[in-house]
Amino acid sequence: MTDLLTAALTAAARGWHVFPLAPDAKYPALHREELCPRTGPCTAGHAGWERRATTHPDVIRRAWSHGPYNTGLACGPSGLVVVDLDTPKHPGDLPPPKWAERGVTDGHDVFAALCEEHDPYGQYDTFTVRTGRGGTHLYFTAPPGLVLRNTCGEKGQGLGWKVDTRALGGYVVAAGSTVAGRPYNLALDVPPMPLPVWLAALLTPKAPPVAPLDSAAVRARIGRLQAYTRAAVRGETEKVAGAGEGVRNHTLFASAAALGRLVAAGTLPEHDATDALLDAGQKAGLGEAECRRTIAKGLARGAGRAA
């Protein structure tokens, strides 16, 4: 058994999904979509590296019997988030001023600064791989129920200069591989830690800001409805806006249920009902999130469907 096959099988034995990378390189050793023969694993459509990644030893042995492949580790199917701490690639690859003034010289320094800021007493003894160019891959288990994707440097949700992350949709070169003749070596063989809470928070995509509700625009939309529907909306929203503390939520639910019957009849668009009731509920002093939950339940009740 070759060392490269052993590396692939070892990663798979940990429950991590692997696929072949080109010999001594980082890119997948699989056909591109435009060259897909639509046979074998691609019979039902092109299957890329993430779908092809596997933990099955027999499949791995067959694949690696065709060449001296490196091991690609698909982070998403493996339930991993890998933090990639990189080093400068050339003398002109310098840190941005905000990092340079803190004495940062590479991704390791950036990550250390982030740890000092967010969790100064944390211990990060997790599965670690040293990359061919002197970088480091820190393996963490992905938080259950939280979808995280790749980040690159300081772009978007990125952590900082020379710090990338690989999660759903991303892969890393596994230990035991070589790239340009330089090996990827196992540096710390311990189970991956759960992704620290502060790291998960930094990597979680921020929800886009919600534009404030335009009351005048809502009134204009309601004004274009049929007279009976306009009167019904006006009556129910006036009830909600005038409801006192202690009965506001109940009133909002009842009014939503009443308008839900018009929504079901097709005379009132659901988004118009929602916005009119939301405007009234907020005028009564209810929070937006609470209003939306109550309105959704009330509309569903009035329309005769499950909330």
C-alpha atoms as a PDB file:
ATOM      1  CA  MET A   1       0.000   0.000   0.000  1.00  0.00           C
ATOM      2  CA  THR A   2       1.412   3.401  -0.951  1.00  0.00           C
ATOM      3  CA  ASP A   3       1.823   6.239   1.550  1.00  0.00           C
ATOM      4  CA  LEU A   4      -0.648   8.350  -0.435  1.00  0.00           C
ATOM      5  CA  LEU A   5      -3.339   5.667  -0.301  1.00  0.00           C
ATOM      6  CA  THR A   6      -2.657   5.214   3.404  1.00  0.00           C
ATOM      7  CA  ALA A   7      -3.158   8.952   3.929  1.00  0.00           C
ATOM      8  CA  ALA A   8      -6.533   8.841   2.163  1.00  0.00           C
ATOM      9  CA  LEU A   9      -7.698   5.771   4.089  1.00  0.00           C
ATOM     10  CA  THR A  10      -6.520   7.258   7.390  1.00  0.00           C
ATOM     11  CA  ALA A  11      -8.543  10.416   6.830  1.00  0.00           C
ATOM     12  CA  ALA A  12     -11.597   8.373   5.820  1.00  0.00           C
ATOM     13  CA  ALA A  13     -11.244   6.227   8.938  1.00  0.00           C
ATOM     14  CA  ARG A  14     -11.744   9.394  10.971  1.00  0.00           C
ATOM     15  CA  GLY A  15     -15.096   9.840   9.222  1.00  0.00           C
ATOM     16  CA  TRP A  16     -13.812  12.510   6.849  1.00  0.00           C
ATOM     17  CA  HIS A  17     -14.905  12.471   3.221  1.00  0.00           C
ATOM     18  CA  VAL A  18     -12.028  12.374   0.742  1.00  0.00           C
ATOM     19  CA  PHE A  19     -11.486  12.598  -3.001  1.00  0.00           C
ATOM     20  CA  PRO A  20      -8.362  12.471  -5.193  1.00  0.00           C
ATOM     21  CA  LEU A  21      -6.315  15.557  -5.951  1.00  0.00           C
ATOM     22  CA  ALA A  22      -3.850  15.717  -8.831  1.00  0.00           C
ATOM     23  CA  PRO A  23      -0.421  14.289  -8.005  1.00  0.00           C
ATOM     24  CA  ASP A  24       1.736  16.789  -6.109  1.00  0.00           C
ATOM     25  CA  ALA A  25      -0.934  19.471  -6.587  1.00  0.00           C
ATOM     26  CA  LYS A  26      -4.021  21.015  -4.970  1.00  0.00           C
ATOM     27  CA  TYR A  27      -6.670  20.759  -7.681  1.00  0.00           C
ATOM     28  CA  PRO A  28      -9.184  17.872  -7.981  1.00  0.00           C
ATOM     29  CA  ALA A  29      -8.169  14.929 -10.161  1.00  0.00           C
ATOM     30  CA  LEU A  30     -11.715  14.637 -11.503  1.00  0.00           C
ATOM     31  CA  HIS A  31     -13.221  15.538 -14.869  1.00  0.00           C
ATOM     32  CA  ARG A  32     -14.752  18.988 -15.364  1.00  0.00           C
ATOM     33  CA  GLU A  33     -18.472  19.439 -15.893  1.00  0.00           C
ATOM     34  CA  GLU A  34     -18.076  20.336 -19.568  1.00  0.00           C
ATOM     35  CA  LEU A  35     -16.258  17.015 -20.105  1.00  0.00           C
ATOM     36  CA  CYS A  36     -18.624  14.903 -18.007  1.00  0.00           C
ATOM     37  CA  PRO A  37     -19.427  11.551 -19.684  1.00  0.00           C
ATOM     38  CA  ARG A  38     -22.676  11.183 -17.686  1.00  0.00           C
ATOM     39  CA  THR A  39     -21.688   7.651 -16.695  1.00  0.00           C
ATOM     40  CA  GLY A  40     -20.797   5.958 -13.413  1.00  0.00           C
ATOM     41  CA  PRO A  41     -21.237   8.385 -10.483  1.00  0.00           C
ATOM     42  CA  CYS A  42     -22.423  11.030 -12.976  1.00  0.00           C
ATOM     43  CA  THR A  43     -25.219   8.996 -14.559  1.00  0.00           C
ATOM     44  CA  ALA A  44     -27.876  11.271 -13.072  1.00  0.00           C
ATOM     45  CA  GLY A  45     -25.852  14.434 -13.753  1.00  0.00           C
ATOM     46  CA  HIS A  46     -22.372  15.766 -13.182  1.00  0.00           C
ATOM     47  CA  ALA A  47     -21.089  14.989  -9.697  1.00  0.00           C
ATOM     48  CA  GLY A  48     -18.370  17.341  -8.538  1.00  0.00           C
ATOM     49  CA  TRP A  49     -15.718  16.699  -5.926  1.00  0.00           C
ATOM     50  CA  GLU A  50     -17.992  17.460  -2.955  1.00  0.00           C
ATOM     51  CA  ARG A  51     -20.570  14.891  -4.068  1.00  0.00           C
ATOM     52  CA  ARG A  52     -17.893  12.382  -5.021  1.00  0.00           C
ATOM     53  CA  ALA A  53     -16.053  12.643  -1.692  1.00  0.00           C
ATOM     54  CA  THR A  54     -16.384   9.408   0.266  1.00  0.00           C
ATOM     55  CA  THR A  55     -15.350   7.467   3.356  1.00  0.00           C
ATOM     56  CA  HIS A  56     -15.802   4.048   1.679  1.00  0.00           C
ATOM     57  CA  PRO A  57     -12.451   2.181   1.748  1.00  0.00           C
ATOM     58  CA  ASP A  58     -13.121   0.113  -1.387  1.00  0.00           C
ATOM     59  CA  VAL A  59     -14.047   3.194  -3.430  1.00  0.00           C
ATOM     60  CA  ILE A  60     -10.907   4.931  -2.189  1.00  0.00           C
ATOM     61  CA  ARG A  61      -8.675   1.968  -3.042  1.00  0.00           C
ATOM     62  CA  ARG A  62     -10.087   1.821  -6.574  1.00  0.00           C
ATOM     63  CA  ALA A  63      -9.634   5.549  -7.120  1.00  0.00           C
ATOM     64  CA  TRP A  64      -6.070   5.656  -5.803  1.00  0.00           C
ATOM     65  CA  SER A  65      -5.106   2.607  -7.851  1.00  0.00           C
ATOM     66  CA  HIS A  66      -5.069   4.851 -10.933  1.00  0.00           C
ATOM     67  CA  GLY A  67      -2.306   7.189  -9.810  1.00  0.00           C
ATOM     68  CA  PRO A  68      -0.279   8.768  -6.988  1.00  0.00           C
ATOM     69  CA  TYR A  69      -3.049  11.103  -5.941  1.00  0.00           C
ATOM     70  CA  ASN A  70      -3.021  13.598  -3.116  1.00  0.00           C
ATOM     71  CA  THR A  71      -5.953  13.605  -0.717  1.00  0.00           C
ATOM     72  CA  GLY A  72      -8.582  16.306  -0.809  1.00  0.00           C
ATOM     73  CA  LEU A  73     -10.754  16.505   2.294  1.00  0.00           C
ATOM     74  CA  ALA A  74     -14.287  17.864   1.728  1.00  0.00           C
ATOM     75  CA  CYS A  75     -15.014  19.950   4.819  1.00  0.00           C
ATOM     76  CA  GLY A  76     -18.805  20.248   4.536  1.00  0.00           C
ATOM     77  CA  PRO A  77     -19.653  16.522   4.308  1.00  0.00           C
ATOM     78  CA  SER A  78     -17.004  15.842   6.962  1.00  0.00           C
ATOM     79  CA  GLY A  79     -18.630  18.208   9.449  1.00  0.00           C
ATOM     80  CA  LEU A  80     -15.480  20.317   9.703  1.00  0.00           C
ATOM     81  CA  VAL A  81     -14.482  23.955   9.693  1.00  0.00           C
ATOM     82  CA  VAL A  82     -10.775  24.340   8.926  1.00  0.00           C
ATOM     83  CA  VAL A  83      -8.975  27.583   9.751  1.00  0.00           C
ATOM     84  CA  ASP A  84      -6.097  28.095   7.312  1.00  0.00           C
ATOM     85  CA  LEU A  85      -3.278  30.290   8.648  1.00  0.00           C
ATOM     86  CA  ASP A  86      -1.081  31.308   5.734  1.00  0.00           C
ATOM     87  CA  THR A  87       2.313  32.976   5.345  1.00  0.00           C
ATOM     88  CA  PRO A  88       3.375  35.757   2.920  1.00  0.00           C
ATOM     89  CA  LYS A  89       4.055  34.502  -0.591  1.00  0.00           C
ATOM     90  CA  HIS A  90       6.742  37.051  -1.554  1.00  0.00           C
ATOM     91  CA  PRO A  91       8.637  40.015  -0.005  1.00  0.00           C
ATOM     92  CA  GLY A  92       5.984  42.474  -1.163  1.00  0.00           C
ATOM     93  CA  ASP A  93       3.155  40.493   0.434  1.00  0.00           C
ATOM     94  CA  LEU A  94       2.832  42.756   3.473  1.00  0.00           C
ATOM     95  CA  PRO A  95       0.097  43.140   6.094  1.00  0.00           C
ATOM     96  CA  PRO A  96      -2.407  45.990   5.830  1.00  0.00           C
ATOM     97  CA  PRO A  97      -1.646  48.924   8.143  1.00  0.00           C
ATOM     98  CA  LYS A  98      -4.219  47.933  10.781  1.00  0.00           C
ATOM     99  CA  TRP A  99      -2.403  44.618  11.242  1.00  0.00           C
ATOM    100  CA  ALA A 100       1.132  45.890  10.675  1.00  0.00           C
ATOM    101  CA  GLU A 101       0.803  48.353  13.554  1.00  0.00           C
ATOM    102  CA  ARG A 102       0.067  45.383  15.823  1.00  0.00           C
ATOM    103  CA  GLY A 103       3.274  43.627  14.820  1.00  0.00           C
ATOM    104  CA  VAL A 104       1.515  41.056  12.638  1.00  0.00           C
ATOM    105  CA  THR A 105       3.663  39.236  10.065  1.00  0.00           C
ATOM    106  CA  ASP A 106       1.439  36.325   8.939  1.00  0.00           C
ATOM    107  CA  GLY A 107      -1.858  34.494   9.491  1.00  0.00           C
ATOM    108  CA  HIS A 108      -0.596  32.891  12.702  1.00  0.00           C
ATOM    109  CA  ASP A 109      -0.128  36.356  14.215  1.00  0.00           C
ATOM    110  CA  VAL A 110      -3.568  37.481  13.050  1.00  0.00           C
ATOM    111  CA  PHE A 111      -5.218  34.447  14.617  1.00  0.00           C
ATOM    112  CA  ALA A 112      -3.276  34.949  17.845  1.00  0.00           C
ATOM    113  CA  ALA A 113      -4.471  38.561  17.964  1.00  0.00           C
ATOM    114  CA  LEU A 114      -8.077  37.456  17.421  1.00  0.00           C
ATOM    115  CA  CYS A 115      -7.779  34.849  20.180  1.00  0.00           C
ATOM    116  CA  GLU A 116      -6.323  37.454  22.545  1.00  0.00           C
ATOM    117  CA  GLU A 117      -9.223  39.772  21.760  1.00  0.00           C
ATOM    118  CA  HIS A 118     -12.084  37.286  21.970  1.00  0.00           C
ATOM    119  CA  ASP A 119     -10.902  34.456  24.224  1.00  0.00           C
ATOM    120  CA  PRO A 120      -7.558  35.238  25.895  1.00  0.00           C
ATOM    121  CA  TYR A 121      -7.671  32.160  28.127  1.00  0.00           C
ATOM    122  CA  GLY A 122      -8.796  29.705  25.451  1.00  0.00           C
ATOM    123  CA  GLN A 123      -6.783  26.584  24.671  1.00  0.00           C
ATOM    124  CA  TYR A 124      -6.779  25.451  21.036  1.00  0.00           C
ATOM    125  CA  ASP A 125      -5.275  21.987  21.187  1.00  0.00           C
ATOM    126  CA  THR A 126      -7.075  20.662  18.126  1.00  0.00           C
ATOM    127  CA  PHE A 127      -6.185  18.483  15.138  1.00  0.00           C
ATOM    128  CA  THR A 128      -3.479  20.403  13.294  1.00  0.00           C
ATOM    129  CA  VAL A 129      -1.707  20.009   9.952  1.00  0.00           C
ATOM    130  CA  ARG A 130       1.396  21.915   8.875  1.00  0.00           C
ATOM    131  CA  THR A 131       1.154  22.913   5.218  1.00  0.00           C
ATOM    132  CA  GLY A 132       3.917  22.712   2.635  1.00  0.00           C
ATOM    133  CA  ARG A 133       4.679  26.441   2.744  1.00  0.00           C
ATOM    134  CA  GLY A 134       4.789  26.752   6.525  1.00  0.00           C
ATOM    135  CA  GLY A 135       1.139  27.527   7.099  1.00  0.00           C
ATOM    136  CA  THR A 136      -1.177  25.763   9.513  1.00  0.00           C
ATOM    137  CA  HIS A 137      -4.582  24.102   9.202  1.00  0.00           C
ATOM    138  CA  LEU A 138      -6.582  24.033  12.440  1.00  0.00           C
ATOM    139  CA  TYR A 139      -9.440  21.523  12.267  1.00  0.00           C
ATOM    140  CA  PHE A 140     -12.653  22.180  14.228  1.00  0.00           C
ATOM    141  CA  THR A 141     -15.978  20.349  14.236  1.00  0.00           C
ATOM    142  CA  ALA A 142     -18.759  22.444  12.705  1.00  0.00           C
ATOM    143  CA  PRO A 143     -21.545  23.640  15.033  1.00  0.00           C
ATOM    144  CA  PRO A 144     -24.701  21.538  14.558  1.00  0.00           C
ATOM    145  CA  GLY A 145     -27.464  23.348  12.715  1.00  0.00           C
ATOM    146  CA  LEU A 146     -25.265  26.265  11.632  1.00  0.00           C
ATOM    147  CA  VAL A 147     -24.380  26.526   7.936  1.00  0.00           C
ATOM    148  CA  LEU A 148     -20.938  28.060   7.472  1.00  0.00           C
ATOM    149  CA  ARG A 149     -19.175  28.535   4.152  1.00  0.00           C
ATOM    150  CA  ASN A 150     -15.688  29.472   3.041  1.00  0.00           C
ATOM    151  CA  THR A 151     -14.083  32.801   3.833  1.00  0.00           C
ATOM    152  CA  CYS A 152     -11.025  34.436   2.301  1.00  0.00           C
ATOM    153  CA  GLY A 153      -8.830  36.886   4.168  1.00  0.00           C
ATOM    154  CA  GLU A 154     -10.729  40.008   5.164  1.00  0.00           C
ATOM    155  CA  LYS A 155     -13.429  39.764   2.484  1.00  0.00           C
ATOM    156  CA  GLY A 156     -17.021  39.476   3.648  1.00  0.00           C
ATOM    157  CA  GLN A 157     -17.142  37.453   6.866  1.00  0.00           C
ATOM    158  CA  GLY A 158     -13.400  36.807   6.690  1.00  0.00           C
ATOM    159  CA  LEU A 159     -11.369  36.767   9.893  1.00  0.00           C
ATOM    160  CA  GLY A 160      -8.369  38.754   8.718  1.00  0.00           C
ATOM    161  CA  TRP A 161      -5.258  38.987   6.578  1.00  0.00           C
ATOM    162  CA  LYS A 162      -3.769  35.590   5.658  1.00  0.00           C
ATOM    163  CA  VAL A 163      -6.579  33.731   7.477  1.00  0.00           C
ATOM    164  CA  ASP A 164      -8.993  31.691   5.355  1.00  0.00           C
ATOM    165  CA  THR A 165     -11.605  29.197   6.438  1.00  0.00           C
ATOM    166  CA  ARG A 166     -12.962  26.140   4.670  1.00  0.00           C
ATOM    167  CA  ALA A 167     -16.392  24.725   5.460  1.00  0.00           C
ATOM    168  CA  LEU A 168     -19.385  23.807   3.276  1.00  0.00           C
ATOM    169  CA  GLY A 169     -18.272  24.086  -0.344  1.00  0.00           C
ATOM    170  CA  GLY A 170     -14.587  23.993   0.543  1.00  0.00           C
ATOM    171  CA  TYR A 171     -11.792  21.480   0.829  1.00  0.00           C
ATOM    172  CA  VAL A 172      -8.246  21.255   2.187  1.00  0.00           C
ATOM    173  CA  VAL A 173      -5.207  19.203   1.257  1.00  0.00           C
ATOM    174  CA  ALA A 174      -4.975  16.424   3.827  1.00  0.00           C
ATOM    175  CA  ALA A 175      -1.905  15.345   5.784  1.00  0.00           C
ATOM    176  CA  GLY A 176       0.293  12.890   3.893  1.00  0.00           C
ATOM    177  CA  SER A 177      -0.007  14.799   0.611  1.00  0.00           C
ATOM    178  CA  THR A 178       2.683  16.857  -1.103  1.00  0.00           C
ATOM    179  CA  VAL A 179       2.299  20.017  -3.164  1.00  0.00           C
ATOM    180  CA  ALA A 180       5.199  21.169  -5.354  1.00  0.00           C
ATOM    181  CA  GLY A 181       7.355  18.654  -3.537  1.00  0.00           C
ATOM    182  CA  ARG A 182       6.543  20.083  -0.108  1.00  0.00           C
ATOM    183  CA  PRO A 183       4.748  17.780   2.361  1.00  0.00           C
ATOM    184  CA  TYR A 184       1.638  18.411   4.427  1.00  0.00           C
ATOM    185  CA  ASN A 185       2.501  16.931   7.824  1.00  0.00           C
ATOM    186  CA  LEU A 186       0.393  16.047  10.816  1.00  0.00           C
ATOM    187  CA  ALA A 187       1.445  18.430  13.597  1.00  0.00           C
ATOM    188  CA  LEU A 188      -0.987  17.507  16.375  1.00  0.00           C
ATOM    189  CA  ASP A 189      -2.948  14.245  16.288  1.00  0.00           C
ATOM    190  CA  VAL A 190      -5.862  14.870  18.643  1.00  0.00           C
ATOM    191  CA  PRO A 191      -9.621  14.937  17.970  1.00  0.00           C
ATOM    192  CA  PRO A 192     -10.836  18.218  16.449  1.00  0.00           C
ATOM    193  CA  MET A 193     -12.289  20.623  18.982  1.00  0.00           C
ATOM    194  CA  PRO A 194     -15.761  22.083  18.532  1.00  0.00           C
ATOM    195  CA  LEU A 195     -15.530  25.416  16.740  1.00  0.00           C
ATOM    196  CA  PRO A 196     -15.242  28.088  19.466  1.00  0.00           C
ATOM    197  CA  VAL A 197     -18.405  30.100  19.952  1.00  0.00           C
ATOM    198  CA  TRP A 198     -16.686  33.411  19.202  1.00  0.00           C
ATOM    199  CA  LEU A 199     -15.277  32.040  15.951  1.00  0.00           C
ATOM    200  CA  ALA A 200     -18.690  30.719  14.922  1.00  0.00           C
ATOM    201  CA  ALA A 201     -20.190  34.147  15.637  1.00  0.00           C
ATOM    202  CA  LEU A 202     -17.577  35.923  13.505  1.00  0.00           C
ATOM    203  CA  LEU A 203     -18.075  33.474  10.632  1.00  0.00           C
ATOM    204  CA  THR A 204     -21.885  33.474  10.675  1.00  0.00           C
ATOM    205  CA  PRO A 205     -23.244  35.520   7.744  1.00  0.00           C
ATOM    206  CA  LYS A 206     -24.980  38.659   8.922  1.00  0.00           C
ATOM    207  CA  ALA A 207     -28.623  39.063   7.956  1.00  0.00           C
ATOM    208  CA  PRO A 208     -29.157  41.905   5.476  1.00  0.00           C
ATOM    209  CA  PRO A 209     -30.649  45.015   7.083  1.00  0.00           C
ATOM    210  CA  VAL A 210     -34.421  45.179   6.875  1.00  0.00           C
ATOM    211  CA  ALA A 211     -35.757  48.401   5.436  1.00  0.00           C
ATOM    212  CA  PRO A 212     -38.135  50.182   7.823  1.00  0.00           C
ATOM    213  CA  LEU A 213     -41.787  49.755   6.997  1.00  0.00           C
ATOM    214  CA  ASP A 214     -43.127  52.657   4.919  1.00  0.00           C
ATOM    215  CA  SER A 215     -46.561  53.384   6.389  1.00  0.00           C
ATOM    216  CA  ALA A 216     -47.535  55.705   3.529  1.00  0.00           C
ATOM    217  CA  ALA A 217     -46.646  53.059   0.960  1.00  0.00           C
ATOM    218  CA  VAL A 218     -48.710  50.473   2.845  1.00  0.00           C
ATOM    219  CA  ARG A 219     -51.723  52.840   2.913  1.00  0.00           C
ATOM    220  CA  ALA A 220     -51.332  53.490  -0.816  1.00  0.00           C
ATOM    221  CA  ARG A 221     -51.342  49.759  -1.577  1.00  0.00           C
ATOM    222  CA  ILE A 222     -54.412  49.177   0.582  1.00  0.00           C
ATOM    223  CA  GLY A 223     -56.122  52.116  -1.145  1.00  0.00           C
ATOM    224  CA  ARG A 224     -55.984  50.265  -4.452  1.00  0.00           C
ATOM    225  CA  LEU A 225     -58.030  47.339  -3.115  1.00  0.00           C
ATOM    226  CA  GLN A 226     -61.787  46.870  -3.490  1.00  0.00           C
ATOM    227  CA  ALA A 227     -63.938  49.056  -1.223  1.00  0.00           C
ATOM    228  CA  TYR A 228     -65.096  46.178   0.993  1.00  0.00           C
ATOM    229  CA  THR A 229     -61.557  44.900   1.446  1.00  0.00           C
ATOM    230  CA  ARG A 230     -60.223  48.392   2.154  1.00  0.00           C
ATOM    231  CA  ALA A 231     -62.866  48.873   4.851  1.00  0.00           C
ATOM    232  CA  ALA A 232     -62.056  45.504   6.412  1.00  0.00           C
ATOM    233  CA  VAL A 233     -58.340  46.231   6.521  1.00  0.00           C
ATOM    234  CA  ARG A 234     -58.937  49.714   7.930  1.00  0.00           C
ATOM    235  CA  GLY A 235     -61.259  48.380  10.623  1.00  0.00           C
ATOM    236  CA  GLU A 236     -58.933  45.587  11.751  1.00  0.00           C
ATOM    237  CA  THR A 237     -55.800  47.731  11.751  1.00  0.00           C
ATOM    238  CA  GLU A 238     -57.554  50.437  13.780  1.00  0.00           C
ATOM    239  CA  LYS A 239     -58.444  47.795  16.377  1.00  0.00           C
ATOM    240  CA  VAL A 240     -54.833  46.697  16.583  1.00  0.00           C
ATOM    241  CA  ALA A 241     -53.318  50.182  16.702  1.00  0.00           C
ATOM    242  CA  GLY A 242     -55.726  51.180  19.502  1.00  0.00           C
ATOM    243  CA  ALA A 243     -55.304  48.017  21.590  1.00  0.00           C
ATOM    244  CA  GLY A 244     -53.987  48.569  25.079  1.00  0.00           C
ATOM    245  CA  GLU A 245     -51.188  46.739  26.856  1.00  0.00           C
ATOM    246  CA  GLY A 246     -52.221  43.240  27.857  1.00  0.00           C
ATOM    247  CA  VAL A 247     -54.559  42.679  24.901  1.00  0.00           C
ATOM    248  CA  ARG A 248     -52.385  43.891  22.009  1.00  0.00           C
ATOM    249  CA  ASN A 249     -51.118  40.486  20.937  1.00  0.00           C
ATOM    250  CA  HIS A 250     -54.535  38.840  21.234  1.00  0.00           C
ATOM    251  CA  THR A 251     -56.112  41.654  19.208  1.00  0.00           C
ATOM    252  CA  LEU A 252     -53.424  41.361  16.550  1.00  0.00           C
ATOM    253  CA  PHE A 253     -53.998  37.611  16.265  1.00  0.00           C
ATOM    254  CA  ALA A 254     -57.787  38.029  15.999  1.00  0.00           C
ATOM    255  CA  SER A 255     -57.457  40.738  13.344  1.00  0.00           C
ATOM    256  CA  ALA A 256     -54.964  38.658  11.405  1.00  0.00           C
ATOM    257  CA  ALA A 257     -57.374  35.725  11.490  1.00  0.00           C
ATOM    258  CA  ALA A 258     -60.175  37.966  10.206  1.00  0.00           C
ATOM    259  CA  LEU A 259     -58.044  39.234   7.326  1.00  0.00           C
ATOM    260  CA  GLY A 260     -56.793  35.709   6.694  1.00  0.00           C
ATOM    261  CA  ARG A 261     -60.251  34.828   5.415  1.00  0.00           C
ATOM    262  CA  LEU A 262     -59.948  37.595   2.801  1.00  0.00           C
ATOM    263  CA  VAL A 263     -56.497  36.348   1.870  1.00  0.00           C
ATOM    264  CA  ALA A 264     -57.918  32.848   1.386  1.00  0.00           C
ATOM    265  CA  ALA A 265     -60.729  34.263  -0.746  1.00  0.00           C
ATOM    266  CA  GLY A 266     -58.198  35.964  -3.014  1.00  0.00           C
ATOM    267  CA  THR A 267     -59.423  39.520  -2.397  1.00  0.00           C
ATOM    268  CA  LEU A 268     -56.462  40.600  -0.221  1.00  0.00           C
ATOM    269  CA  PRO A 269     -52.811  39.875  -1.090  1.00  0.00           C
ATOM    270  CA  GLU A 270     -51.100  38.263   1.901  1.00  0.00           C
ATOM    271  CA  HIS A 271     -48.144  40.655   1.837  1.00  0.00           C
ATOM    272  CA  ASP A 272     -50.539  43.624   1.991  1.00  0.00           C
ATOM    273  CA  ALA A 273     -52.334  42.117   4.978  1.00  0.00           C
ATOM    274  CA  THR A 274     -49.023  41.393   6.697  1.00  0.00           C
ATOM    275  CA  ASP A 275     -47.603  44.886   6.173  1.00  0.00           C
ATOM    276  CA  ALA A 276     -50.821  46.651   7.239  1.00  0.00           C
ATOM    277  CA  LEU A 277     -51.059  44.583  10.427  1.00  0.00           C
ATOM    278  CA  LEU A 278     -47.338  44.968  11.107  1.00  0.00           C
ATOM    279  CA  ASP A 279     -47.619  48.744  10.845  1.00  0.00           C
ATOM    280  CA  ALA A 280     -50.584  48.731  13.234  1.00  0.00           C
ATOM    281  CA  GLY A 281     -48.932  46.335  15.672  1.00  0.00           C
ATOM    282  CA  GLN A 282     -45.784  48.442  15.889  1.00  0.00           C
ATOM    283  CA  LYS A 283     -47.892  51.563  16.474  1.00  0.00           C
ATOM    284  CA  ALA A 284     -49.473  49.688  19.389  1.00  0.00           C
ATOM    285  CA  GLY A 285     -46.010  49.122  20.842  1.00  0.00           C
ATOM    286  CA  LEU A 286     -45.315  45.530  19.822  1.00  0.00           C
ATOM    287  CA  GLY A 287     -41.886  44.501  18.517  1.00  0.00           C
ATOM    288  CA  GLU A 288     -41.420  43.552  14.877  1.00  0.00           C
ATOM    289  CA  ALA A 289     -40.439  39.922  15.491  1.00  0.00           C
ATOM    290  CA  GLU A 290     -43.377  39.346  17.842  1.00  0.00           C
ATOM    291  CA  CYS A 291     -45.749  40.999  15.367  1.00  0.00           C
ATOM    292  CA  ARG A 292     -44.594  38.865  12.463  1.00  0.00           C
ATOM    293  CA  ARG A 293     -45.007  35.628  14.441  1.00  0.00           C
ATOM    294  CA  THR A 294     -48.505  36.541  15.598  1.00  0.00           C
ATOM    295  CA  ILE A 295     -49.600  37.781  12.172  1.00  0.00           C
ATOM    296  CA  ALA A 296     -48.370  34.613  10.470  1.00  0.00           C
ATOM    297  CA  LYS A 297     -50.289  32.436  12.918  1.00  0.00           C
ATOM    298  CA  GLY A 298     -53.433  34.554  12.655  1.00  0.00           C
ATOM    299  CA  LEU A 299     -53.426  34.644   8.865  1.00  0.00           C
ATOM    300  CA  ALA A 300     -52.916  30.888   8.774  1.00  0.00           C
ATOM    301  CA  ARG A 301     -55.827  30.366  11.192  1.00  0.00           C
ATOM    302  CA  GLY A 302     -58.139  32.592   9.164  1.00  0.00           C
ATOM    303  CA  ALA A 303     -57.117  30.920   5.895  1.00  0.00           C
ATOM    304  CA  GLY A 304     -57.732  27.482   7.386  1.00  0.00           C
ATOM    305  CA  ARG A 305     -54.184  26.236   7.056  1.00  0.00           C
ATOM    306  CA  ALA A 306     -51.609  25.099   9.569  1.00  0.00           C
ATOM    307  CA  ALA A 307     -49.431  27.876  11.005  1.00  0.00           C
END
